[in-house]
Amino acid sequence: MADSFRKIGIGDDMKDGLFYVVGTKFRGSVISNIILNGGWYTIYIKKDDVEQEWKSVKETVVTFKEYALNE
C-alpha cells in the first residue's frame, strides 16, 4: 500500500533542502500528489485535468515528510 504525503523535503538538512508541497503552483501546473511506493517518493503534477509523474526521489534522500490528513 502506498503512503500519501502533503509535503516532503529533499537534501542533507531541512535548512538547505528543496521542499515540495501539494497545491504549489508553477508554470501553469500544480503539485497534485506525493506518494511513497516501493522505496521511491513520486511527485505528481496536474495541468488541465491531466495528472502525470513529475519527479521520483529515492526514500533514503528525503529528510522531512509531512503526511496528508484525510478528512
Protein backbone atom coordinates (compact mmCIF):
# COMPACT_ATOMS: atom_id res chain seq x y z
CA MET A 1 0.00 0.00 0.00
CA ALA A 2 1.31 3.47 -0.92
CA ASP A 3 1.52 6.32 1.58
CA SER A 4 0.36 9.81 0.63
CA PHE A 5 2.14 12.95 1.80
CA ARG A 6 1.35 16.67 1.85
CA LYS A 7 4.97 17.86 1.96
CA ILE A 8 8.48 16.44 1.62
CA GLY A 9 11.94 17.97 1.99
CA ILE A 10 14.88 16.68 -0.01
CA GLY A 11 18.52 17.29 0.86
CA ASP A 12 21.15 16.97 3.54
CA ASP A 13 19.26 19.11 6.06
CA MET A 14 15.96 20.94 6.41
CA LYS A 15 17.51 24.42 6.16
CA ASP A 16 19.03 23.96 2.71
CA GLY A 17 16.70 21.31 1.29
CA LEU A 18 14.20 21.55 -1.55
CA PHE A 19 10.58 21.32 -0.41
CA TYR A 20 7.62 20.09 -2.43
CA VAL A 21 4.10 20.80 -1.17
CA VAL A 22 0.82 19.55 -2.63
CA GLY A 23 -1.07 22.54 -4.02
CA THR A 24 2.02 24.54 -5.01
CA LYS A 25 1.59 26.16 -8.42
CA PHE A 26 4.30 26.58 -11.05
CA ARG A 27 4.39 27.06 -14.83
CA GLY A 28 0.66 26.53 -15.21
CA SER A 29 0.69 23.24 -13.28
CA VAL A 30 0.11 22.31 -9.65
CA ILE A 31 1.67 19.61 -7.47
CA SER A 32 -1.27 17.26 -7.07
CA ASN A 33 0.10 14.32 -5.09
CA ILE A 34 3.18 12.92 -3.36
CA ILE A 35 3.23 9.13 -3.00
CA LEU A 36 5.73 6.75 -1.38
CA ASN A 37 5.68 3.38 -3.11
CA GLY A 38 8.41 0.76 -3.38
CA GLY A 39 11.11 2.91 -1.75
CA TRP A 40 10.52 5.91 -4.04
CA TYR A 41 8.66 9.18 -3.49
CA THR A 42 6.87 10.15 -6.68
CA ILE A 43 5.67 13.72 -7.14
CA TYR A 44 2.72 14.19 -9.49
CA ILE A 45 1.70 17.39 -11.25
CA LYS A 46 -1.65 18.26 -12.77
CA LYS A 47 -2.45 20.60 -15.64
CA ASP A 48 -5.77 20.88 -17.47
CA ASP A 49 -7.17 17.87 -15.52
CA VAL A 50 -4.26 15.65 -16.67
CA GLU A 51 -2.11 14.21 -13.89
CA GLN A 52 1.37 12.86 -14.63
CA GLU A 53 4.54 11.85 -12.82
CA TRP A 54 6.97 14.73 -12.49
CA LYS A 55 9.82 13.61 -10.23
CA SER A 56 10.86 10.50 -8.35
CA VAL A 57 13.25 10.55 -5.41
CA LYS A 58 14.69 7.59 -3.52
CA GLU A 59 13.31 7.25 0.02
CA THR A 60 16.78 7.48 1.59
CA VAL A 61 17.29 11.03 0.22
CA VAL A 62 14.19 12.55 1.83
CA THR A 63 14.93 14.30 5.14
CA PHE A 64 11.46 15.62 6.02
CA LYS A 65 7.95 14.36 5.38
CA GLU A 66 4.50 15.51 6.41
CA TYR A 67 1.59 13.14 6.00
CA ALA A 68 -1.60 14.21 4.26
CA LEU A 69 -4.55 14.42 6.63
CA ASN A 70 -7.66 12.75 5.31
CA GLU A 71 -10.87 14.42 6.41
